Each structure stands twice: as structure tokens, then as C-alpha cells.
Amino acid sequence: CGSNSEKEKGLQVADAIAGSLCREYVPRPSTPSYLEK
């Protein structure tokens, strides 16, 4: 189902991980990914 990220805390966790992966695999200048964590 589609859901609202404010309601579904798991979507917020997925957002944090997706952001880290994005910064690692679609790099931008001087923005660390912290993917190693």
C-alpha cells in the first residue's frame, strides 16, 4: 500500500538509507554519504 512517511516510521528509516546510498552512488561535491556505517 501507499502510505504517509509521517505515519510510517519505516519510511523515514528507508529515506535515511536511500539518502546515504544516493550520496554514495550519485555523488555531489563535499557531501559525505556515511554509507560505511
PDB file of all heavy atoms in Angstrom:
ATOM      1  N   CYS A   1       0.840  -1.197   0.000  1.00  0.00           N
ATOM      2  CA  CYS A   1       0.000   0.000   0.000  1.00  0.00           C
ATOM      3  C   CYS A   1       0.876   1.249   0.000  1.00  0.00           C
ATOM      4  O   CYS A   1       2.029   1.218   0.412  1.00  0.00           O
ATOM      5  CB  CYS A   1      -0.907   0.011   1.226  1.00  0.00           C
ATOM      6  SG  CYS A   1       0.005   0.110   2.778  1.00  0.00           S
ATOM      7  N   GLY A   2       0.299   2.330  -0.480  1.00  0.00           N
ATOM      8  CA  GLY A   2       0.950   3.631  -0.359  1.00  0.00           C
ATOM      9  C   GLY A   2       0.680   4.169   1.030  1.00  0.00           C
ATOM     10  O   GLY A   2      -0.384   3.908   1.605  1.00  0.00           O
ATOM     11  N   SER A   3       1.619   4.879   1.582  1.00  0.00           N
ATOM     12  CA  SER A   3       1.435   5.394   2.930  1.00  0.00           C
ATOM     13  C   SER A   3       2.145   6.727   3.089  1.00  0.00           C
ATOM     14  O   SER A   3       2.952   7.128   2.261  1.00  0.00           O
ATOM     15  CB  SER A   3       1.963   4.381   3.952  1.00  0.00           C
ATOM     16  OG  SER A   3       1.552   4.747   5.244  1.00  0.00           O
ATOM     17  N   ASN A   4       1.854   7.373   4.191  1.00  0.00           N
ATOM     18  CA  ASN A   4       2.428   8.663   4.528  1.00  0.00           C
ATOM     19  C   ASN A   4       3.663   8.447   5.396  1.00  0.00           C
ATOM     20  O   ASN A   4       3.603   7.714   6.384  1.00  0.00           O
ATOM     21  CB  ASN A   4       1.353   9.462   5.291  1.00  0.00           C
ATOM     22  CG  ASN A   4       1.827  10.802   5.738  1.00  0.00           C
ATOM     23  OD1 ASN A   4       2.850  10.926   6.401  1.00  0.00           O
ATOM     24  ND2 ASN A   4       1.069  11.812   5.383  1.00  0.00           N
ATOM     25  N   SER A   5       4.763   9.089   5.049  1.00  0.00           N
ATOM     26  CA  SER A   5       6.005   8.852   5.792  1.00  0.00           C
ATOM     27  C   SER A   5       5.953   9.392   7.218  1.00  0.00           C
ATOM     28  O   SER A   5       6.652   8.890   8.089  1.00  0.00           O
ATOM     29  CB  SER A   5       7.213   9.420   5.039  1.00  0.00           C
ATOM     30  OG  SER A   5       7.066  10.799   4.841  1.00  0.00           O
ATOM     31  N   GLU A   6       5.110  10.369   7.484  1.00  0.00           N
ATOM     32  CA  GLU A   6       4.987  10.839   8.874  1.00  0.00           C
ATOM     33  C   GLU A   6       4.355   9.746   9.737  1.00  0.00           C
ATOM     34  O   GLU A   6       4.739   9.538  10.880  1.00  0.00           O
ATOM     35  CB  GLU A   6       4.143  12.114   8.949  1.00  0.00           C
ATOM     36  CG  GLU A   6       4.101  12.691  10.346  1.00  0.00           C
ATOM     37  CD  GLU A   6       3.408  14.034  10.426  1.00  0.00           C
ATOM     38  OE1 GLU A   6       3.176  14.658   9.383  1.00  0.00           O
ATOM     39  OE2 GLU A   6       3.094  14.444  11.555  1.00  0.00           O
ATOM     40  N   LYS A   7       3.417   9.012   9.160  1.00  0.00           N
ATOM     41  CA  LYS A   7       2.738   7.935   9.887  1.00  0.00           C
ATOM     42  C   LYS A   7       3.616   6.692   9.996  1.00  0.00           C
ATOM     43  O   LYS A   7       3.694   6.061  11.043  1.00  0.00           O
ATOM     44  CB  LYS A   7       1.438   7.606   9.153  1.00  0.00           C
ATOM     45  CG  LYS A   7       0.671   6.459   9.729  1.00  0.00           C
ATOM     46  CD  LYS A   7      -0.546   6.157   8.857  1.00  0.00           C
ATOM     47  CE  LYS A   7      -1.055   4.769   9.154  1.00  0.00           C
ATOM     48  NZ  LYS A   7      -1.903   4.248   8.124  1.00  0.00           N
ATOM     49  N   GLU A   8       4.255   6.311   8.904  1.00  0.00           N
ATOM     50  CA  GLU A   8       5.052   5.079   8.845  1.00  0.00           C
ATOM     51  C   GLU A   8       6.522   5.384   9.129  1.00  0.00           C
ATOM     52  O   GLU A   8       7.233   5.891   8.258  1.00  0.00           O
ATOM     53  CB  GLU A   8       4.929   4.411   7.471  1.00  0.00           C
ATOM     54  CG  GLU A   8       3.598   3.780   7.200  1.00  0.00           C
ATOM     55  CD  GLU A   8       3.382   2.499   7.977  1.00  0.00           C
ATOM     56  OE1 GLU A   8       4.296   2.017   8.683  1.00  0.00           O
ATOM     57  OE2 GLU A   8       2.265   1.967   7.876  1.00  0.00           O
ATOM     58  N   LYS A   9       6.966   5.090  10.333  1.00  0.00           N
ATOM     59  CA  LYS A   9       8.353   5.379  10.718  1.00  0.00           C
ATOM     60  C   LYS A   9       9.339   4.608   9.846  1.00  0.00           C
ATOM     61  O   LYS A   9      10.453   5.066   9.598  1.00  0.00           O
ATOM     62  CB  LYS A   9       8.588   5.055  12.193  1.00  0.00           C
ATOM     63  CG  LYS A   9       7.639   5.735  13.155  1.00  0.00           C
ATOM     64  CD  LYS A   9       7.578   7.226  12.978  1.00  0.00           C
ATOM     65  CE  LYS A   9       6.634   7.866  13.980  1.00  0.00           C
ATOM     66  NZ  LYS A   9       6.073   9.118  13.522  1.00  0.00           N
ATOM     67  N   GLY A  10       8.939   3.431   9.348  1.00  0.00           N
ATOM     68  CA  GLY A  10       9.811   2.655   8.471  1.00  0.00           C
ATOM     69  C   GLY A  10      10.145   3.389   7.188  1.00  0.00           C
ATOM     70  O   GLY A  10      11.237   3.225   6.637  1.00  0.00           O
ATOM     71  N   LEU A  11       9.222   4.224   6.715  1.00  0.00           N
ATOM     72  CA  LEU A  11       9.501   5.017   5.512  1.00  0.00           C
ATOM     73  C   LEU A  11      10.578   6.069   5.801  1.00  0.00           C
ATOM     74  O   LEU A  11      11.391   6.393   4.935  1.00  0.00           O
ATOM     75  CB  LEU A  11       8.221   5.675   4.994  1.00  0.00           C
ATOM     76  CG  LEU A  11       7.186   4.721   4.411  1.00  0.00           C
ATOM     77  CD1 LEU A  11       5.904   5.469   4.060  1.00  0.00           C
ATOM     78  CD2 LEU A  11       7.724   3.983   3.202  1.00  0.00           C
ATOM     79  N   GLN A  12      10.607   6.573   7.030  1.00  0.00           N
ATOM     80  CA  GLN A  12      11.642   7.536   7.401  1.00  0.00           C
ATOM     81  C   GLN A  12      13.011   6.861   7.477  1.00  0.00           C
ATOM     82  O   GLN A  12      14.025   7.435   7.078  1.00  0.00           O
ATOM     83  CB  GLN A  12      11.283   8.195   8.732  1.00  0.00           C
ATOM     84  CG  GLN A  12      10.007   9.018   8.655  1.00  0.00           C
ATOM     85  CD  GLN A  12       9.612   9.579  10.003  1.00  0.00           C
ATOM     86  OE1 GLN A  12      10.446  10.146  10.716  1.00  0.00           O
ATOM     87  NE2 GLN A  12       8.346   9.447  10.362  1.00  0.00           N
ATOM     88  N   VAL A  13      13.027   5.624   7.971  1.00  0.00           N
ATOM     89  CA  VAL A  13      14.278   4.859   8.006  1.00  0.00           C
ATOM     90  C   VAL A  13      14.736   4.588   6.571  1.00  0.00           C
ATOM     91  O   VAL A  13      15.916   4.737   6.237  1.00  0.00           O
ATOM     92  CB  VAL A  13      14.100   3.544   8.801  1.00  0.00           C
ATOM     93  CG1 VAL A  13      15.334   2.663   8.688  1.00  0.00           C
ATOM     94  CG2 VAL A  13      13.797   3.857  10.263  1.00  0.00           C
ATOM     95  N   ALA A  14      13.790   4.218   5.697  1.00  0.00           N
ATOM     96  CA  ALA A  14      14.123   3.984   4.291  1.00  0.00           C
ATOM     97  C   ALA A  14      14.645   5.261   3.644  1.00  0.00           C
ATOM     98  O   ALA A  14      15.571   5.219   2.827  1.00  0.00           O
ATOM     99  CB  ALA A  14      12.903   3.458   3.537  1.00  0.00           C
ATOM    100  N   ASP A  15      14.092   6.421   4.019  1.00  0.00           N
ATOM    101  CA  ASP A  15      14.547   7.706   3.498  1.00  0.00           C
ATOM    102  C   ASP A  15      15.998   7.968   3.907  1.00  0.00           C
ATOM    103  O   ASP A  15      16.818   8.414   3.095  1.00  0.00           O
ATOM    104  CB  ASP A  15      13.629   8.821   4.014  1.00  0.00           C
ATOM    105  CG  ASP A  15      14.019  10.189   3.493  1.00  0.00           C
ATOM    106  OD1 ASP A  15      14.353  10.305   2.295  1.00  0.00           O
ATOM    107  OD2 ASP A  15      13.968  11.160   4.276  1.00  0.00           O
ATOM    108  N   ALA A  16      16.331   7.680   5.166  1.00  0.00           N
ATOM    109  CA  ALA A  16      17.705   7.886   5.649  1.00  0.00           C
ATOM    110  C   ALA A  16      18.694   6.999   4.884  1.00  0.00           C
ATOM    111  O   ALA A  16      19.770   7.451   4.476  1.00  0.00           O
ATOM    112  CB  ALA A  16      17.790   7.604   7.142  1.00  0.00           C
ATOM    113  N   ILE A  17      18.313   5.740   4.669  1.00  0.00           N
ATOM    114  CA  ILE A  17      19.202   4.815   3.965  1.00  0.00           C
ATOM    115  C   ILE A  17      19.289   5.181   2.492  1.00  0.00           C
ATOM    116  O   ILE A  17      20.386   5.187   1.907  1.00  0.00           O
ATOM    117  CB  ILE A  17      18.741   3.359   4.173  1.00  0.00           C
ATOM    118  CG1 ILE A  17      18.899   2.977   5.658  1.00  0.00           C
ATOM    119  CG2 ILE A  17      19.526   2.397   3.280  1.00  0.00           C
ATOM    120  CD1 ILE A  17      18.305   1.629   6.032  1.00  0.00           C
ATOM    121  N   ALA A  18      18.156   5.514   1.874  1.00  0.00           N
ATOM    122  CA  ALA A  18      18.163   5.924   0.464  1.00  0.00           C
ATOM    123  C   ALA A  18      19.028   7.170   0.269  1.00  0.00           C
ATOM    124  O   ALA A  18      19.779   7.273  -0.708  1.00  0.00           O
ATOM    125  CB  ALA A  18      16.741   6.179  -0.025  1.00  0.00           C
ATOM    126  N   GLY A  19      18.954   8.099   1.200  1.00  0.00           N
ATOM    127  CA  GLY A  19      19.776   9.314   1.108  1.00  0.00           C
ATOM    128  C   GLY A  19      21.257   8.995   1.174  1.00  0.00           C
ATOM    129  O   GLY A  19      22.062   9.537   0.409  1.00  0.00           O
ATOM    130  N   SER A  20      21.629   8.104   2.079  1.00  0.00           N
ATOM    131  CA  SER A  20      23.031   7.701   2.196  1.00  0.00           C
ATOM    132  C   SER A  20      23.512   7.025   0.914  1.00  0.00           C
ATOM    133  O   SER A  20      24.596   7.330   0.400  1.00  0.00           O
ATOM    134  CB  SER A  20      23.190   6.755   3.391  1.00  0.00           C
ATOM    135  OG  SER A  20      24.507   6.287   3.480  1.00  0.00           O
ATOM    136  N   LEU A  21      22.702   6.112   0.394  1.00  0.00           N
ATOM    137  CA  LEU A  21      23.056   5.421  -0.852  1.00  0.00           C
ATOM    138  C   LEU A  21      23.157   6.393  -2.007  1.00  0.00           C
ATOM    139  O   LEU A  21      24.064   6.297  -2.849  1.00  0.00           O
ATOM    140  CB  LEU A  21      22.023   4.339  -1.165  1.00  0.00           C
ATOM    141  CG  LEU A  21      22.041   3.115  -0.262  1.00  0.00           C
ATOM    142  CD1 LEU A  21      20.762   2.313  -0.412  1.00  0.00           C
ATOM    143  CD2 LEU A  21      23.257   2.248  -0.551  1.00  0.00           C
ATOM    144  N   CYS A  22      22.238   7.338  -2.064  1.00  0.00           N
ATOM    145  CA  CYS A  22      22.259   8.328  -3.148  1.00  0.00           C
ATOM    146  C   CYS A  22      23.534   9.174  -3.091  1.00  0.00           C
ATOM    147  O   CYS A  22      24.166   9.408  -4.120  1.00  0.00           O
ATOM    148  CB  CYS A  22      21.016   9.213  -3.064  1.00  0.00           C
ATOM    149  SG  CYS A  22      20.833  10.318  -4.480  1.00  0.00           S
ATOM    150  N   ARG A  23      23.914   9.603  -1.896  1.00  0.00           N
ATOM    151  CA  ARG A  23      25.139  10.409  -1.776  1.00  0.00           C
ATOM    152  C   ARG A  23      26.385   9.597  -2.132  1.00  0.00           C
ATOM    153  O   ARG A  23      27.384  10.151  -2.573  1.00  0.00           O
ATOM    154  CB  ARG A  23      25.251  10.989  -0.368  1.00  0.00           C
ATOM    155  CG  ARG A  23      24.251  12.100  -0.101  1.00  0.00           C
ATOM    156  CD  ARG A  23      24.487  12.799   1.228  1.00  0.00           C
ATOM    157  NE  ARG A  23      24.403  11.902   2.367  1.00  0.00           N
ATOM    158  CZ  ARG A  23      23.268  11.504   2.933  1.00  0.00           C
ATOM    159  NH1 ARG A  23      22.110  11.918   2.461  1.00  0.00           N
ATOM    160  NH2 ARG A  23      23.280  10.693   3.966  1.00  0.00           N
ATOM    161  N   GLU A  24      26.321   8.275  -1.970  1.00  0.00           N
ATOM    162  CA  GLU A  24      27.446   7.408  -2.308  1.00  0.00           C
ATOM    163  C   GLU A  24      27.503   7.109  -3.806  1.00  0.00           C
ATOM    164  O   GLU A  24      28.559   7.166  -4.416  1.00  0.00           O
ATOM    165  CB  GLU A  24      27.342   6.096  -1.525  1.00  0.00           C
ATOM    166  CG  GLU A  24      28.468   5.109  -1.785  1.00  0.00           C
ATOM    167  CD  GLU A  24      29.795   5.518  -1.177  1.00  0.00           C
ATOM    168  OE1 GLU A  24      29.832   6.333  -0.223  1.00  0.00           O
ATOM    169  OE2 GLU A  24      30.824   5.014  -1.663  1.00  0.00           O
ATOM    170  N   TYR A  25      26.366   6.781  -4.402  1.00  0.00           N
ATOM    171  CA  TYR A  25      26.338   6.310  -5.788  1.00  0.00           C
ATOM    172  C   TYR A  25      26.016   7.400  -6.803  1.00  0.00           C
ATOM    173  O   TYR A  25      26.227   7.203  -8.002  1.00  0.00           O
ATOM    174  CB  TYR A  25      25.353   5.143  -5.934  1.00  0.00           C
ATOM    175  CG  TYR A  25      25.858   3.905  -5.252  1.00  0.00           C
ATOM    176  CD1 TYR A  25      25.511   3.609  -3.939  1.00  0.00           C
ATOM    177  CD2 TYR A  25      26.714   3.032  -5.907  1.00  0.00           C
ATOM    178  CE1 TYR A  25      25.996   2.482  -3.300  1.00  0.00           C
ATOM    179  CE2 TYR A  25      27.207   1.901  -5.277  1.00  0.00           C
ATOM    180  CZ  TYR A  25      26.840   1.631  -3.975  1.00  0.00           C
ATOM    181  OH  TYR A  25      27.329   0.517  -3.339  1.00  0.00           O
ATOM    182  N   VAL A  26      25.455   8.516  -6.356  1.00  0.00           N
ATOM    183  CA  VAL A  26      25.208   9.667  -7.223  1.00  0.00           C
ATOM    184  C   VAL A  26      25.868  10.858  -6.512  1.00  0.00           C
ATOM    185  O   VAL A  26      25.195  11.734  -5.976  1.00  0.00           O
ATOM    186  CB  VAL A  26      23.694   9.905  -7.431  1.00  0.00           C
ATOM    187  CG1 VAL A  26      23.466  10.952  -8.517  1.00  0.00           C
ATOM    188  CG2 VAL A  26      22.969   8.614  -7.788  1.00  0.00           C
ATOM    189  N   PRO A  27      27.202  10.839  -6.459  1.00  0.00           N
ATOM    190  CA  PRO A  27      27.914  11.780  -5.581  1.00  0.00           C
ATOM    191  C   PRO A  27      27.736  13.248  -5.955  1.00  0.00           C
ATOM    192  O   PRO A  27      27.583  13.594  -7.112  1.00  0.00           O
ATOM    193  CB  PRO A  27      29.379  11.368  -5.720  1.00  0.00           C
ATOM    194  CG  PRO A  27      29.463  10.415  -6.834  1.00  0.00           C
ATOM    195  CD  PRO A  27      28.092   9.985  -7.210  1.00  0.00           C
ATOM    196  N   ARG A  28      27.743  14.061  -4.923  1.00  0.00           N
ATOM    197  CA  ARG A  28      27.780  15.510  -5.094  1.00  0.00           C
ATOM    198  C   ARG A  28      28.988  16.034  -4.334  1.00  0.00           C
ATOM    199  O   ARG A  28      29.413  15.400  -3.363  1.00  0.00           O
ATOM    200  CB  ARG A  28      26.512  16.185  -4.622  1.00  0.00           C
ATOM    201  CG  ARG A  28      25.799  15.475  -3.569  1.00  0.00           C
ATOM    202  CD  ARG A  28      24.343  15.764  -3.441  1.00  0.00           C
ATOM    203  NE  ARG A  28      23.672  14.479  -3.530  1.00  0.00           N
ATOM    204  CZ  ARG A  28      22.499  14.231  -3.058  1.00  0.00           C
ATOM    205  NH1 ARG A  28      21.824  15.156  -2.475  1.00  0.00           N
ATOM    206  NH2 ARG A  28      21.972  13.053  -3.174  1.00  0.00           N
ATOM    207  N   PRO A  29      29.524  17.131  -4.755  1.00  0.00           N
ATOM    208  CA  PRO A  29      30.740  17.648  -4.113  1.00  0.00           C
ATOM    209  C   PRO A  29      30.572  17.868  -2.613  1.00  0.00           C
ATOM    210  O   PRO A  29      29.563  18.402  -2.169  1.00  0.00           O
ATOM    211  CB  PRO A  29      30.984  18.984  -4.826  1.00  0.00           C
ATOM    212  CG  PRO A  29      30.167  18.926  -6.070  1.00  0.00           C
ATOM    213  CD  PRO A  29      29.034  17.977  -5.830  1.00  0.00           C
ATOM    214  N   SER A  30      31.546  17.426  -1.875  1.00  0.00           N
ATOM    215  CA  SER A  30      31.673  17.614  -0.425  1.00  0.00           C
ATOM    216  C   SER A  30      30.402  17.278   0.371  1.00  0.00           C
ATOM    217  O   SER A  30      30.043  17.987   1.303  1.00  0.00           O
ATOM    218  CB  SER A  30      32.153  19.036  -0.094  1.00  0.00           C
ATOM    219  OG  SER A  30      31.200  19.990  -0.488  1.00  0.00           O
ATOM    220  N   THR A  31      29.716  16.207  -0.015  1.00  0.00           N
ATOM    221  CA  THR A  31      28.569  15.726   0.747  1.00  0.00           C
ATOM    222  C   THR A  31      28.825  14.270   1.093  1.00  0.00           C
ATOM    223  O   THR A  31      28.630  13.387   0.271  1.00  0.00           O
ATOM    224  CB  THR A  31      27.260  15.857  -0.070  1.00  0.00           C
ATOM    225  OG1 THR A  31      27.156  17.189  -0.555  1.00  0.00           O
ATOM    226  CG2 THR A  31      26.054  15.556   0.787  1.00  0.00           C
ATOM    227  N   PRO A  32      29.284  13.991   2.306  1.00  0.00           N
ATOM    228  CA  PRO A  32      29.606  12.604   2.678  1.00  0.00           C
ATOM    229  C   PRO A  32      28.360  11.723   2.742  1.00  0.00           C
ATOM    230  O   PRO A  32      27.274  12.178   3.104  1.00  0.00           O
ATOM    231  CB  PRO A  32      30.257  12.741   4.054  1.00  0.00           C
ATOM    232  CG  PRO A  32      29.802  14.057   4.573  1.00  0.00           C
ATOM    233  CD  PRO A  32      29.504  14.931   3.398  1.00  0.00           C
ATOM    234  N   SER A  33      28.537  10.454   2.385  1.00  0.00           N
ATOM    235  CA  SER A  33      27.401   9.523   2.379  1.00  0.00           C
ATOM    236  C   SER A  33      27.212   8.820   3.716  1.00  0.00           C
ATOM    237  O   SER A  33      26.099   8.457   4.074  1.00  0.00           O
ATOM    238  CB  SER A  33      27.596   8.476   1.286  1.00  0.00           C
ATOM    239  OG  SER A  33      28.623   7.563   1.642  1.00  0.00           O
ATOM    240  N   TYR A  34      28.300   8.563   4.449  1.00  0.00           N
ATOM    241  CA  TYR A  34      28.295   7.792   5.692  1.00  0.00           C
ATOM    242  C   TYR A  34      27.792   6.363   5.478  1.00  0.00           C
ATOM    243  O   TYR A  34      27.359   5.703   6.418  1.00  0.00           O
ATOM    244  CB  TYR A  34      27.471   8.477   6.795  1.00  0.00           C
ATOM    245  CG  TYR A  34      27.901   9.890   7.068  1.00  0.00           C
ATOM    246  CD1 TYR A  34      27.067  10.965   6.793  1.00  0.00           C
ATOM    247  CD2 TYR A  34      29.172  10.153   7.562  1.00  0.00           C
ATOM    248  CE1 TYR A  34      27.476  12.261   7.019  1.00  0.00           C
ATOM    249  CE2 TYR A  34      29.589  11.455   7.795  1.00  0.00           C
ATOM    250  CZ  TYR A  34      28.744  12.507   7.510  1.00  0.00           C
ATOM    251  OH  TYR A  34      29.160  13.784   7.733  1.00  0.00           O
ATOM    252  N   LEU A  35      27.876   5.881   4.246  1.00  0.00           N
ATOM    253  CA  LEU A  35      27.394   4.536   3.939  1.00  0.00           C
ATOM    254  C   LEU A  35      28.159   3.466   4.708  1.00  0.00           C
ATOM    255  O   LEU A  35      27.600   2.430   5.055  1.00  0.00           O
ATOM    256  CB  LEU A  35      27.476   4.270   2.429  1.00  0.00           C
ATOM    257  CG  LEU A  35      26.917   2.937   1.955  1.00  0.00           C
ATOM    258  CD1 LEU A  35      25.436   2.810   2.289  1.00  0.00           C
ATOM    259  CD2 LEU A  35      27.147   2.749   0.473  1.00  0.00           C
ATOM    260  N   GLU A  36      29.408   3.742   5.035  1.00  0.00           N
ATOM    261  CA  GLU A  36      30.209   2.740   5.755  1.00  0.00           C
ATOM    262  C   GLU A  36      29.571   2.349   7.087  1.00  0.00           C
ATOM    263  O   GLU A  36      29.792   1.255   7.590  1.00  0.00           O
ATOM    264  CB  GLU A  36      31.644   3.245   5.971  1.00  0.00           C
ATOM    265  CG  GLU A  36      31.808   4.376   6.977  1.00  0.00           C
ATOM    266  CD  GLU A  36      31.482   5.782   6.453  1.00  0.00           C
ATOM    267  OE1 GLU A  36      31.161   5.933   5.260  1.00  0.00           O
ATOM    268  OE2 GLU A  36      31.559   6.732   7.255  1.00  0.00           O
ATOM    269  N   LYS A  37      28.747   3.224   7.645  1.00  0.00           N
ATOM    270  CA  LYS A  37      28.098   2.933   8.929  1.00  0.00           C
ATOM    271  C   LYS A  37      27.056   1.813   8.807  1.00  0.00           C
ATOM    272  O   LYS A  37      26.827   1.070   9.755  1.00  0.00           O
ATOM    273  CB  LYS A  37      27.447   4.197   9.491  1.00  0.00           C
ATOM    274  CG  LYS A  37      28.449   5.281   9.819  1.00  0.00           C
ATOM    275  CD  LYS A  37      27.768   6.511  10.373  1.00  0.00           C
ATOM    276  CE  LYS A  37      28.765   7.594  10.705  1.00  0.00           C
ATOM    277  NZ  LYS A  37      29.857   7.190  11.569  1.00  0.00           N
TER     278      LYS A  37
END
